[in-house]
Amino acid sequence: MEKSLTAKQKLIMATIQDLKAKLGKAPTLEEIRQALNYAGISSVQRHVNALKKKGVLSNERYQARTLEVTYPEQVVNIPLVGSVPCGTPFLAIENIEAYIPYNKSALRGDSGDYFFLRAVGDSMNNASISGKNIQDGDFVLVKKQQVANPGSPIVALIGDEATIKKITRDGVFVRLEPETTNLNNKPIVLFGEENFSIQGIVIDVIKKGGE
């Protein structure tokens, strides 16, 4: 049986996990529809049925709030650490909101080196990450590492604040550049590497919305 998930199916799975963490129980199809801003519940039902056929989602027939995510060997749980956190380490227990399933074959190295963030704002809405931009509310997949090539999209920690930007360097200066259609978003210019730290490289985006 084909186990690979499409981008839309990953979004449905991520939304179920996200809602379950927030609600403390499995979401209904209507709650999933509202979270994704779909026009009709039939779209949600179609994706849920496809995921059940792939063996990664199950529920009890005729019972509400029984959707359960199940994982084949090819899928791993990646922690969602919410919106870009401040002050505490990204993978601190208090930051983990939920776990998002992701195709293990698409990862390089240990799956424990990856985490998801929920993007905030529009400073990277003109970026291209695996052919996708980053909109407010999207789930951003990050691989933990402390170095990055110029032009890479990174998660940077400046003091207690984290931000997603493209990194460039100019001599002793580091520029954290937005890639955005909003001209109010300005580059962050830092003197020297000691004024910030790289938390990881952005490698994929799961879009939060759309069919």
N, C-alpha and C. Protein backbone atom coordinates (compact mmCIF):
# COMPACT_ATOMS: atom_id res chain seq x y z
N MET A 1 0.84 -1.20 0.00
CA MET A 1 0.00 0.00 0.00
C MET A 1 0.88 1.25 0.00
N GLU A 2 0.49 2.24 -0.81
CA GLU A 2 1.27 3.48 -0.88
C GLU A 2 1.12 4.26 0.43
N LYS A 3 2.26 4.57 1.07
CA LYS A 3 2.22 5.24 2.36
C LYS A 3 2.61 6.71 2.29
N SER A 4 3.17 7.15 1.15
CA SER A 4 3.64 8.53 1.08
C SER A 4 2.46 9.48 1.17
N LEU A 5 2.69 10.63 1.80
CA LEU A 5 1.64 11.61 2.01
C LEU A 5 1.85 12.80 1.10
N THR A 6 0.77 13.30 0.52
CA THR A 6 0.84 14.53 -0.25
C THR A 6 0.94 15.72 0.70
N ALA A 7 1.25 16.89 0.16
CA ALA A 7 1.35 18.09 0.99
C ALA A 7 0.01 18.38 1.68
N LYS A 8 -1.09 18.19 0.96
CA LYS A 8 -2.41 18.44 1.56
C LYS A 8 -2.71 17.44 2.67
N GLN A 9 -2.30 16.19 2.47
CA GLN A 9 -2.53 15.19 3.50
C GLN A 9 -1.67 15.45 4.73
N LYS A 10 -0.43 15.91 4.52
CA LYS A 10 0.41 16.31 5.65
C LYS A 10 -0.25 17.44 6.43
N LEU A 11 -0.87 18.36 5.71
CA LEU A 11 -1.54 19.48 6.36
C LEU A 11 -2.71 19.00 7.21
N ILE A 12 -3.49 18.06 6.69
CA ILE A 12 -4.61 17.51 7.46
C ILE A 12 -4.09 16.84 8.73
N MET A 13 -3.04 16.03 8.59
CA MET A 13 -2.47 15.35 9.75
C MET A 13 -1.94 16.35 10.77
N ALA A 14 -1.23 17.37 10.29
CA ALA A 14 -0.69 18.38 11.19
C ALA A 14 -1.80 19.13 11.91
N THR A 15 -2.88 19.42 11.18
CA THR A 15 -4.01 20.15 11.77
C THR A 15 -4.70 19.31 12.84
N ILE A 16 -4.86 18.02 12.58
CA ILE A 16 -5.46 17.13 13.58
C ILE A 16 -4.62 17.12 14.84
N GLN A 17 -3.29 17.00 14.67
CA GLN A 17 -2.40 17.00 15.83
C GLN A 17 -2.46 18.32 16.59
N ASP A 18 -2.46 19.40 15.84
CA ASP A 18 -2.49 20.74 16.44
C ASP A 18 -3.78 20.95 17.22
N LEU A 19 -4.91 20.61 16.61
CA LEU A 19 -6.20 20.79 17.28
C LEU A 19 -6.34 19.88 18.50
N LYS A 20 -5.84 18.66 18.38
CA LYS A 20 -5.94 17.74 19.51
C LYS A 20 -5.17 18.27 20.71
N ALA A 21 -4.00 18.88 20.46
CA ALA A 21 -3.21 19.46 21.55
C ALA A 21 -3.94 20.64 22.17
N LYS A 22 -4.60 21.45 21.34
CA LYS A 22 -5.30 22.63 21.85
C LYS A 22 -6.60 22.28 22.58
N LEU A 23 -7.34 21.31 22.02
CA LEU A 23 -8.66 20.98 22.55
C LEU A 23 -8.62 19.94 23.66
N GLY A 24 -7.53 19.17 23.70
CA GLY A 24 -7.44 18.08 24.68
C GLY A 24 -8.24 16.87 24.27
N LYS A 25 -8.70 16.83 23.04
CA LYS A 25 -9.46 15.69 22.50
C LYS A 25 -9.39 15.76 20.99
N ALA A 26 -9.76 14.66 20.35
CA ALA A 26 -9.70 14.62 18.89
C ALA A 26 -10.70 15.61 18.29
N PRO A 27 -10.33 16.30 17.22
CA PRO A 27 -11.24 17.27 16.61
C PRO A 27 -12.31 16.60 15.77
N THR A 28 -13.39 17.31 15.57
CA THR A 28 -14.41 16.88 14.62
C THR A 28 -14.02 17.33 13.22
N LEU A 29 -14.69 16.78 12.21
CA LEU A 29 -14.43 17.21 10.83
C LEU A 29 -14.74 18.69 10.65
N GLU A 30 -15.78 19.17 11.33
CA GLU A 30 -16.13 20.59 11.21
C GLU A 30 -15.05 21.47 11.83
N GLU A 31 -14.47 21.05 12.93
CA GLU A 31 -13.39 21.84 13.54
C GLU A 31 -12.15 21.86 12.64
N ILE A 32 -11.88 20.74 11.97
CA ILE A 32 -10.77 20.72 11.01
C ILE A 32 -11.07 21.65 9.85
N ARG A 33 -12.31 21.61 9.35
CA ARG A 33 -12.70 22.49 8.24
C ARG A 33 -12.52 23.95 8.60
N GLN A 34 -12.95 24.33 9.79
CA GLN A 34 -12.81 25.71 10.23
C GLN A 34 -11.35 26.12 10.35
N ALA A 35 -10.52 25.23 10.90
CA ALA A 35 -9.10 25.55 11.09
C ALA A 35 -8.40 25.78 9.75
N LEU A 36 -8.83 25.04 8.73
CA LEU A 36 -8.21 25.14 7.41
C LEU A 36 -8.92 26.14 6.49
N ASN A 37 -10.06 26.65 6.96
CA ASN A 37 -10.85 27.60 6.17
C ASN A 37 -11.32 26.99 4.85
N TYR A 38 -11.62 25.70 4.87
CA TYR A 38 -12.18 25.05 3.69
C TYR A 38 -13.64 25.47 3.52
N ALA A 39 -14.10 25.48 2.29
CA ALA A 39 -15.48 25.91 2.01
C ALA A 39 -16.49 24.88 2.48
N GLY A 40 -16.15 23.60 2.33
CA GLY A 40 -17.10 22.55 2.69
C GLY A 40 -16.44 21.41 3.43
N ILE A 41 -17.24 20.70 4.21
CA ILE A 41 -16.71 19.60 5.01
C ILE A 41 -16.35 18.40 4.15
N SER A 42 -16.90 18.33 2.92
CA SER A 42 -16.62 17.20 2.03
C SER A 42 -15.14 17.11 1.68
N SER A 43 -14.46 18.26 1.60
CA SER A 43 -13.03 18.24 1.29
C SER A 43 -12.25 17.58 2.42
N VAL A 44 -12.62 17.90 3.66
CA VAL A 44 -11.97 17.28 4.81
C VAL A 44 -12.23 15.78 4.82
N GLN A 45 -13.48 15.41 4.56
CA GLN A 45 -13.84 13.99 4.58
C GLN A 45 -13.07 13.22 3.52
N ARG A 46 -12.88 13.83 2.34
CA ARG A 46 -12.14 13.17 1.27
C ARG A 46 -10.69 12.89 1.68
N HIS A 47 -10.05 13.89 2.28
CA HIS A 47 -8.66 13.72 2.71
C HIS A 47 -8.56 12.71 3.86
N VAL A 48 -9.49 12.77 4.79
CA VAL A 48 -9.49 11.83 5.92
C VAL A 48 -9.65 10.40 5.41
N ASN A 49 -10.56 10.19 4.45
CA ASN A 49 -10.75 8.85 3.90
C ASN A 49 -9.48 8.34 3.23
N ALA A 50 -8.79 9.24 2.50
CA ALA A 50 -7.55 8.85 1.83
C ALA A 50 -6.47 8.47 2.85
N LEU A 51 -6.41 9.22 3.95
CA LEU A 51 -5.42 8.94 4.98
C LEU A 51 -5.73 7.63 5.71
N LYS A 52 -7.00 7.34 5.88
CA LYS A 52 -7.37 6.06 6.49
C LYS A 52 -6.97 4.90 5.60
N LYS A 53 -7.12 5.07 4.29
CA LYS A 53 -6.72 4.02 3.35
C LYS A 53 -5.21 3.80 3.37
N LYS A 54 -4.46 4.86 3.64
CA LYS A 54 -3.00 4.74 3.72
C LYS A 54 -2.53 4.21 5.07
N GLY A 55 -3.47 4.02 5.99
CA GLY A 55 -3.13 3.42 7.26
C GLY A 55 -2.49 4.35 8.27
N VAL A 56 -2.62 5.67 8.07
CA VAL A 56 -2.00 6.62 9.00
C VAL A 56 -3.03 7.36 9.85
N LEU A 57 -4.30 7.04 9.64
CA LEU A 57 -5.37 7.68 10.40
C LEU A 57 -6.47 6.65 10.60
N SER A 58 -7.08 6.68 11.78
CA SER A 58 -8.17 5.75 12.07
C SER A 58 -9.23 6.44 12.92
N ASN A 59 -10.40 5.87 12.95
CA ASN A 59 -11.45 6.34 13.86
C ASN A 59 -12.45 5.23 14.09
N GLU A 60 -13.25 5.39 15.14
CA GLU A 60 -14.31 4.43 15.43
C GLU A 60 -15.55 4.83 14.66
N ARG A 61 -16.11 3.88 13.96
CA ARG A 61 -17.27 4.16 13.11
C ARG A 61 -18.44 4.66 13.95
N TYR A 62 -19.05 5.72 13.45
CA TYR A 62 -20.24 6.35 14.07
C TYR A 62 -19.95 6.98 15.43
N GLN A 63 -18.69 7.14 15.77
CA GLN A 63 -18.32 7.77 17.04
C GLN A 63 -17.59 9.09 16.77
N ALA A 64 -18.07 10.16 17.41
CA ALA A 64 -17.43 11.47 17.23
C ALA A 64 -16.14 11.54 18.04
N ARG A 65 -15.26 12.38 17.59
CA ARG A 65 -13.99 12.67 18.30
C ARG A 65 -13.16 11.42 18.57
N THR A 66 -13.02 10.59 17.55
CA THR A 66 -12.22 9.37 17.72
C THR A 66 -11.09 9.28 16.70
N LEU A 67 -10.83 10.37 15.96
CA LEU A 67 -9.74 10.34 14.99
C LEU A 67 -8.42 10.12 15.72
N GLU A 68 -7.66 9.15 15.27
CA GLU A 68 -6.36 8.84 15.86
C GLU A 68 -5.32 8.72 14.76
N VAL A 69 -4.19 9.37 14.96
CA VAL A 69 -3.08 9.26 14.02
C VAL A 69 -2.29 8.00 14.33
N THR A 70 -2.07 7.17 13.32
CA THR A 70 -1.25 5.97 13.46
C THR A 70 -0.09 6.10 12.48
N TYR A 71 1.02 5.49 12.80
CA TYR A 71 2.22 5.76 12.04
C TYR A 71 2.84 4.49 11.46
N PRO A 72 2.96 4.43 10.15
CA PRO A 72 3.77 3.36 9.56
C PRO A 72 5.24 3.65 9.82
N GLU A 73 6.09 2.69 9.51
CA GLU A 73 7.51 2.85 9.78
C GLU A 73 8.11 4.04 9.04
N GLN A 74 7.53 4.38 7.87
CA GLN A 74 8.12 5.45 7.06
C GLN A 74 7.83 6.84 7.61
N VAL A 75 6.95 6.94 8.59
CA VAL A 75 6.55 8.25 9.12
C VAL A 75 7.08 8.41 10.54
N VAL A 76 7.66 9.57 10.83
CA VAL A 76 8.17 9.85 12.18
C VAL A 76 7.46 11.07 12.75
N ASN A 77 7.44 11.14 14.07
CA ASN A 77 6.85 12.29 14.76
C ASN A 77 7.90 13.38 14.93
N ILE A 78 7.61 14.57 14.42
CA ILE A 78 8.49 15.72 14.60
C ILE A 78 7.79 16.69 15.55
N PRO A 79 8.46 17.14 16.63
CA PRO A 79 7.78 18.03 17.59
C PRO A 79 7.47 19.40 17.00
N LEU A 80 6.28 19.89 17.28
CA LEU A 80 5.89 21.26 16.97
C LEU A 80 6.11 22.08 18.23
N VAL A 81 7.03 23.05 18.16
CA VAL A 81 7.33 23.85 19.35
C VAL A 81 6.61 25.19 19.31
N GLY A 82 5.46 25.19 18.65
CA GLY A 82 4.60 26.36 18.67
C GLY A 82 5.11 27.48 17.80
N SER A 83 4.70 28.68 18.12
CA SER A 83 5.23 29.85 17.46
C SER A 83 6.67 30.03 17.91
N VAL A 84 7.44 30.81 17.18
CA VAL A 84 8.86 30.96 17.51
C VAL A 84 8.99 31.32 18.99
N PRO A 85 9.62 30.47 19.80
CA PRO A 85 9.63 30.68 21.25
C PRO A 85 10.67 31.70 21.70
N CYS A 86 10.49 32.19 22.90
CA CYS A 86 11.43 33.16 23.48
C CYS A 86 11.95 32.62 24.81
N GLY A 87 13.24 32.75 25.01
CA GLY A 87 13.79 32.49 26.34
C GLY A 87 14.19 31.07 26.63
N THR A 88 13.34 30.10 26.31
CA THR A 88 13.64 28.72 26.65
C THR A 88 14.10 27.96 25.41
N PRO A 89 14.87 26.87 25.60
CA PRO A 89 15.33 26.10 24.44
C PRO A 89 14.16 25.61 23.59
N PHE A 90 14.38 25.53 22.27
CA PHE A 90 13.31 25.18 21.35
C PHE A 90 12.63 23.86 21.70
N LEU A 91 13.42 22.87 22.08
CA LEU A 91 12.84 21.56 22.33
C LEU A 91 12.62 21.29 23.82
N ALA A 92 12.56 22.34 24.63
CA ALA A 92 12.17 22.17 26.02
C ALA A 92 10.74 21.62 26.07
N ILE A 93 10.48 20.76 27.05
CA ILE A 93 9.18 20.09 27.13
C ILE A 93 8.03 21.09 27.13
N GLU A 94 8.23 22.22 27.82
CA GLU A 94 7.14 23.19 27.92
C GLU A 94 6.81 23.85 26.59
N ASN A 95 7.72 23.76 25.63
CA ASN A 95 7.47 24.37 24.33
C ASN A 95 6.72 23.45 23.37
N ILE A 96 6.78 22.15 23.59
CA ILE A 96 6.22 21.20 22.61
C ILE A 96 4.70 21.19 22.72
N GLU A 97 4.05 21.59 21.64
CA GLU A 97 2.58 21.64 21.60
C GLU A 97 1.99 20.34 21.08
N ALA A 98 2.65 19.74 20.10
CA ALA A 98 2.11 18.55 19.45
C ALA A 98 3.23 17.89 18.66
N TYR A 99 2.90 16.81 17.99
CA TYR A 99 3.85 16.15 17.10
C TYR A 99 3.22 16.04 15.72
N ILE A 100 4.00 16.38 14.70
CA ILE A 100 3.51 16.36 13.32
C ILE A 100 4.17 15.20 12.58
N PRO A 101 3.39 14.34 11.93
CA PRO A 101 3.99 13.23 11.19
C PRO A 101 4.69 13.73 9.93
N TYR A 102 5.82 13.12 9.62
CA TYR A 102 6.58 13.53 8.44
C TYR A 102 7.26 12.31 7.85
N ASN A 103 7.38 12.31 6.53
CA ASN A 103 7.98 11.18 5.82
C ASN A 103 9.46 11.05 6.18
N LYS A 104 9.81 9.94 6.81
CA LYS A 104 11.19 9.75 7.29
C LYS A 104 12.20 9.76 6.15
N SER A 105 11.81 9.26 4.98
CA SER A 105 12.74 9.18 3.86
C SER A 105 13.13 10.55 3.33
N ALA A 106 12.35 11.58 3.67
CA ALA A 106 12.66 12.94 3.22
C ALA A 106 13.64 13.65 4.14
N LEU A 107 14.00 13.01 5.26
CA LEU A 107 14.91 13.60 6.22
C LEU A 107 16.32 13.06 6.02
N ARG A 108 17.30 13.87 6.35
CA ARG A 108 18.69 13.43 6.31
C ARG A 108 19.22 13.32 7.74
N GLY A 109 19.69 12.13 8.09
CA GLY A 109 20.21 11.94 9.43
C GLY A 109 19.13 11.62 10.44
N ASP A 110 19.42 11.90 11.68
CA ASP A 110 18.55 11.57 12.81
C ASP A 110 17.30 12.45 12.81
N SER A 111 16.13 11.83 12.90
CA SER A 111 14.88 12.61 12.95
C SER A 111 14.81 13.48 14.19
N GLY A 112 15.61 13.16 15.23
CA GLY A 112 15.65 13.98 16.43
C GLY A 112 16.30 15.33 16.23
N ASP A 113 16.92 15.52 15.06
CA ASP A 113 17.55 16.81 14.74
C ASP A 113 16.58 17.79 14.10
N TYR A 114 15.31 17.44 14.04
CA TYR A 114 14.33 18.28 13.36
C TYR A 114 13.23 18.74 14.31
N PHE A 115 12.68 19.90 14.04
CA PHE A 115 11.51 20.37 14.76
C PHE A 115 10.70 21.28 13.85
N PHE A 116 9.43 21.45 14.19
CA PHE A 116 8.54 22.36 13.48
C PHE A 116 8.31 23.62 14.31
N LEU A 117 8.19 24.74 13.62
CA LEU A 117 7.72 25.99 14.21
C LEU A 117 6.47 26.44 13.47
N ARG A 118 5.61 27.16 14.16
CA ARG A 118 4.49 27.83 13.50
C ARG A 118 4.94 29.25 13.17
N ALA A 119 4.96 29.58 11.90
CA ALA A 119 5.44 30.90 11.48
C ALA A 119 4.49 32.00 11.94
N VAL A 120 5.09 33.14 12.27
CA VAL A 120 4.32 34.31 12.67
C VAL A 120 4.71 35.48 11.78
N GLY A 121 3.72 36.16 11.21
CA GLY A 121 4.01 37.34 10.39
C GLY A 121 4.25 37.02 8.93
N ASP A 122 4.66 38.05 8.18
CA ASP A 122 4.79 37.92 6.73
C ASP A 122 6.19 38.26 6.23
N SER A 123 7.19 38.19 7.11
CA SER A 123 8.53 38.63 6.71
C SER A 123 9.22 37.68 5.73
N MET A 124 8.65 36.47 5.53
CA MET A 124 9.23 35.52 4.58
C MET A 124 8.19 35.04 3.57
N ASN A 125 7.20 35.88 3.29
CA ASN A 125 6.12 35.45 2.40
C ASN A 125 6.52 35.45 0.92
N ASN A 126 7.74 35.88 0.63
CA ASN A 126 8.24 35.86 -0.75
C ASN A 126 9.43 34.90 -0.89
N ALA A 127 9.66 34.10 0.14
CA ALA A 127 10.74 33.12 0.09
C ALA A 127 10.33 31.93 -0.76
N SER A 128 11.30 31.08 -1.09
CA SER A 128 11.01 29.84 -1.79
C SER A 128 11.72 28.70 -1.07
N ILE A 129 10.94 27.95 -0.30
CA ILE A 129 11.45 26.80 0.45
C ILE A 129 10.78 25.57 -0.15
N SER A 130 11.54 24.78 -0.86
CA SER A 130 10.97 23.63 -1.58
C SER A 130 9.80 24.08 -2.46
N GLY A 131 9.97 25.27 -3.06
CA GLY A 131 8.95 25.81 -3.95
C GLY A 131 7.78 26.47 -3.25
N LYS A 132 7.87 26.65 -1.92
CA LYS A 132 6.76 27.24 -1.17
C LYS A 132 7.26 28.44 -0.38
N ASN A 133 6.39 29.44 -0.24
CA ASN A 133 6.73 30.58 0.62
C ASN A 133 6.27 30.29 2.04
N ILE A 134 6.53 31.24 2.93
CA ILE A 134 6.15 31.07 4.35
C ILE A 134 5.14 32.15 4.71
N GLN A 135 3.92 31.74 4.93
CA GLN A 135 2.86 32.65 5.34
C GLN A 135 2.58 32.50 6.83
N ASP A 136 1.95 33.52 7.39
CA ASP A 136 1.56 33.49 8.80
C ASP A 136 0.75 32.23 9.10
N GLY A 137 1.16 31.46 10.09
CA GLY A 137 0.45 30.25 10.48
C GLY A 137 0.95 28.97 9.85
N ASP A 138 1.81 29.07 8.83
CA ASP A 138 2.37 27.86 8.23
C ASP A 138 3.25 27.11 9.22
N PHE A 139 3.41 25.81 9.02
CA PHE A 139 4.33 25.01 9.81
C PHE A 139 5.66 24.91 9.07
N VAL A 140 6.73 25.32 9.73
CA VAL A 140 8.06 25.39 9.12
C VAL A 140 8.93 24.29 9.71
N LEU A 141 9.47 23.43 8.84
CA LEU A 141 10.34 22.35 9.30
C LEU A 141 11.79 22.85 9.35
N VAL A 142 12.42 22.65 10.50
CA VAL A 142 13.77 23.17 10.75
C VAL A 142 14.70 22.01 11.12
N LYS A 143 15.88 21.99 10.51
CA LYS A 143 16.92 21.05 10.91
C LYS A 143 17.91 21.77 11.82
N LYS A 144 18.13 21.22 13.00
CA LYS A 144 19.01 21.86 13.97
C LYS A 144 20.46 21.84 13.48
N GLN A 145 21.07 23.00 13.38
CA GLN A 145 22.51 23.13 13.15
C GLN A 145 22.91 24.56 13.47
N GLN A 146 24.20 24.77 13.72
CA GLN A 146 24.67 26.06 14.20
C GLN A 146 25.43 26.86 13.16
N VAL A 147 25.56 26.31 11.96
CA VAL A 147 26.22 27.04 10.87
C VAL A 147 25.30 27.02 9.66
N ALA A 148 25.49 28.03 8.79
CA ALA A 148 24.65 28.13 7.60
C ALA A 148 25.40 28.84 6.50
N ASN A 149 25.18 28.41 5.27
CA ASN A 149 25.77 29.08 4.12
C ASN A 149 25.03 30.38 3.84
N PRO A 150 25.73 31.39 3.30
CA PRO A 150 25.05 32.64 2.93
C PRO A 150 23.88 32.37 1.99
N GLY A 151 22.79 33.06 2.24
CA GLY A 151 21.58 32.88 1.44
C GLY A 151 20.63 31.84 1.98
N SER A 152 21.03 31.10 3.03
CA SER A 152 20.17 30.06 3.60
C SER A 152 19.07 30.67 4.47
N PRO A 153 17.87 30.11 4.44
CA PRO A 153 16.82 30.53 5.37
C PRO A 153 17.07 29.88 6.72
N ILE A 154 17.17 30.66 7.76
CA ILE A 154 17.53 30.13 9.07
C ILE A 154 16.54 30.57 10.15
N VAL A 155 16.62 29.87 11.28
CA VAL A 155 16.01 30.35 12.52
C VAL A 155 17.14 30.90 13.36
N ALA A 156 17.11 32.20 13.62
CA ALA A 156 18.16 32.87 14.40
C ALA A 156 17.62 33.27 15.76
N LEU A 157 18.46 33.14 16.76
CA LEU A 157 18.10 33.57 18.11
C LEU A 157 18.92 34.81 18.44
N ILE A 158 18.22 35.91 18.71
CA ILE A 158 18.86 37.18 19.06
C ILE A 158 18.40 37.53 20.47
N GLY A 159 19.30 37.37 21.44
CA GLY A 159 18.86 37.51 22.82
C GLY A 159 17.86 36.41 23.14
N ASP A 160 16.67 36.80 23.58
CA ASP A 160 15.61 35.84 23.87
C ASP A 160 14.58 35.74 22.74
N GLU A 161 14.83 36.42 21.64
CA GLU A 161 13.86 36.46 20.54
C GLU A 161 14.38 35.66 19.35
N ALA A 162 13.50 34.88 18.74
CA ALA A 162 13.87 34.10 17.57
C ALA A 162 13.15 34.64 16.34
N THR A 163 13.80 34.49 15.19
CA THR A 163 13.22 35.00 13.95
C THR A 163 13.64 34.10 12.79
N ILE A 164 12.81 34.02 11.77
CA ILE A 164 13.13 33.29 10.55
C ILE A 164 13.52 34.30 9.48
N LYS A 165 14.74 34.20 8.97
CA LYS A 165 15.25 35.15 7.96
C LYS A 165 16.28 34.45 7.08
N LYS A 166 16.65 35.11 5.99
CA LYS A 166 17.76 34.65 5.15
C LYS A 166 19.04 35.31 5.67
N ILE A 167 20.09 34.51 5.82
CA ILE A 167 21.34 35.04 6.36
C ILE A 167 22.30 35.41 5.23
N THR A 168 22.89 36.61 5.34
CA THR A 168 23.98 37.02 4.45
C THR A 168 25.06 37.66 5.32
N ARG A 169 26.26 37.77 4.78
CA ARG A 169 27.37 38.36 5.54
C ARG A 169 28.07 39.41 4.69
N ASP A 170 28.53 40.45 5.36
CA ASP A 170 29.28 41.53 4.71
C ASP A 170 30.43 41.91 5.64
N GLY A 171 31.57 41.26 5.44
CA GLY A 171 32.69 41.50 6.35
C GLY A 171 32.36 41.04 7.75
N VAL A 172 32.49 41.95 8.71
CA VAL A 172 32.19 41.60 10.11
C VAL A 172 30.71 41.70 10.42
N PHE A 173 29.92 42.16 9.46
CA PHE A 173 28.49 42.33 9.70
C PHE A 173 27.70 41.12 9.20
N VAL A 174 26.67 40.77 9.97
CA VAL A 174 25.72 39.72 9.58
C VAL A 174 24.39 40.40 9.32
N ARG A 175 23.79 40.07 8.18
CA ARG A 175 22.47 40.61 7.85
C ARG A 175 21.45 39.47 7.84
N LEU A 176 20.38 39.67 8.57
CA LEU A 176 19.26 38.75 8.55
C LEU A 176 18.16 39.40 7.71
N GLU A 177 18.01 38.89 6.49
CA GLU A 177 17.19 39.55 5.49
C GLU A 177 15.79 38.93 5.41
N PRO A 178 14.75 39.77 5.44
CA PRO A 178 13.42 39.25 5.12
C PRO A 178 13.31 39.01 3.62
N GLU A 179 12.46 38.11 3.23
CA GLU A 179 12.09 37.93 1.82
C GLU A 179 10.59 38.11 1.76
N THR A 180 10.17 39.33 1.47
CA THR A 180 8.78 39.69 1.73
C THR A 180 8.27 40.72 0.73
N THR A 181 6.96 40.71 0.59
CA THR A 181 6.30 41.74 -0.21
C THR A 181 5.92 42.95 0.64
N ASN A 182 6.13 42.85 1.95
CA ASN A 182 5.79 43.93 2.88
C ASN A 182 7.03 44.77 3.14
N LEU A 183 7.07 45.98 2.62
CA LEU A 183 8.24 46.84 2.74
C LEU A 183 8.49 47.31 4.17
N ASN A 184 7.55 47.10 5.07
CA ASN A 184 7.76 47.46 6.47
C ASN A 184 8.70 46.49 7.18
N ASN A 185 8.93 45.32 6.59
CA ASN A 185 9.87 44.36 7.15
C ASN A 185 11.29 44.74 6.72
N LYS A 186 12.15 45.04 7.67
CA LYS A 186 13.50 45.53 7.38
C LYS A 186 14.55 44.49 7.77
N PRO A 187 15.72 44.52 7.13
CA PRO A 187 16.81 43.63 7.54
C PRO A 187 17.26 43.93 8.96
N ILE A 188 17.77 42.90 9.62
CA ILE A 188 18.40 43.05 10.93
C ILE A 188 19.91 42.96 10.71
N VAL A 189 20.63 44.01 11.06
CA VAL A 189 22.07 44.04 10.84
C VAL A 189 22.77 43.89 12.19
N LEU A 190 23.66 42.91 12.28
CA LEU A 190 24.35 42.60 13.53
C LEU A 190 25.86 42.69 13.33
N PHE A 191 26.54 43.14 14.35
CA PHE A 191 28.00 43.23 14.30
C PHE A 191 28.59 41.99 14.95
N GLY A 192 29.16 41.12 14.11
CA GLY A 192 29.82 39.93 14.64
C GLY A 192 28.88 38.79 14.93
N GLU A 193 29.46 37.60 15.00
CA GLU A 193 28.69 36.37 15.20
C GLU A 193 28.24 36.19 16.65
N GLU A 194 28.87 36.92 17.58
CA GLU A 194 28.54 36.70 19.00
C GLU A 194 27.21 37.31 19.39
N ASN A 195 26.61 38.10 18.50
CA ASN A 195 25.36 38.79 18.85
C ASN A 195 24.11 37.99 18.51
N PHE A 196 24.29 36.80 17.97
CA PHE A 196 23.13 35.96 17.68
C PHE A 196 23.62 34.52 17.56
N SER A 197 22.69 33.59 17.49
CA SER A 197 23.06 32.19 17.26
C SER A 197 22.09 31.58 16.26
N ILE A 198 22.61 30.69 15.44
CA ILE A 198 21.78 29.97 14.48
C ILE A 198 21.23 28.72 15.16
N GLN A 199 19.91 28.59 15.12
CA GLN A 199 19.26 27.43 15.73
C GLN A 199 19.01 26.31 14.73
N GLY A 200 18.94 26.67 13.44
CA GLY A 200 18.69 25.64 12.44
C GLY A 200 18.40 26.24 11.08
N ILE A 201 18.30 25.36 10.09
CA ILE A 201 18.04 25.72 8.71
C ILE A 201 16.62 25.31 8.36
N VAL A 202 15.87 26.19 7.73
CA VAL A 202 14.51 25.88 7.29
C VAL A 202 14.61 25.03 6.03
N ILE A 203 13.98 23.85 6.04
CA ILE A 203 14.08 22.97 4.88
C ILE A 203 12.75 22.64 4.21
N ASP A 204 11.63 22.90 4.89
CA ASP A 204 10.33 22.61 4.27
C ASP A 204 9.24 23.42 4.95
N VAL A 205 8.12 23.53 4.27
CA VAL A 205 6.96 24.27 4.79
C VAL A 205 5.71 23.45 4.55
N ILE A 206 4.90 23.29 5.57
CA ILE A 206 3.56 22.72 5.41
C ILE A 206 2.58 23.88 5.47
N LYS A 207 1.89 24.11 4.37
CA LYS A 207 1.03 25.27 4.27
C LYS A 207 -0.19 25.13 5.18
N LYS A 208 -0.50 26.21 5.87
CA LYS A 208 -1.65 26.22 6.79
C LYS A 208 -2.84 26.86 6.08
N GLY A 209 -3.52 26.08 5.27
CA GLY A 209 -4.70 26.61 4.58
C GLY A 209 -4.68 26.24 3.12
N GLY A 210 -5.79 26.43 2.50
CA GLY A 210 -5.92 26.09 1.09
C GLY A 210 -6.20 24.62 0.91
N GLU A 211 -6.71 24.25 -0.24
CA GLU A 211 -7.04 22.86 -0.53
C GLU A 211 -6.07 22.31 -1.57
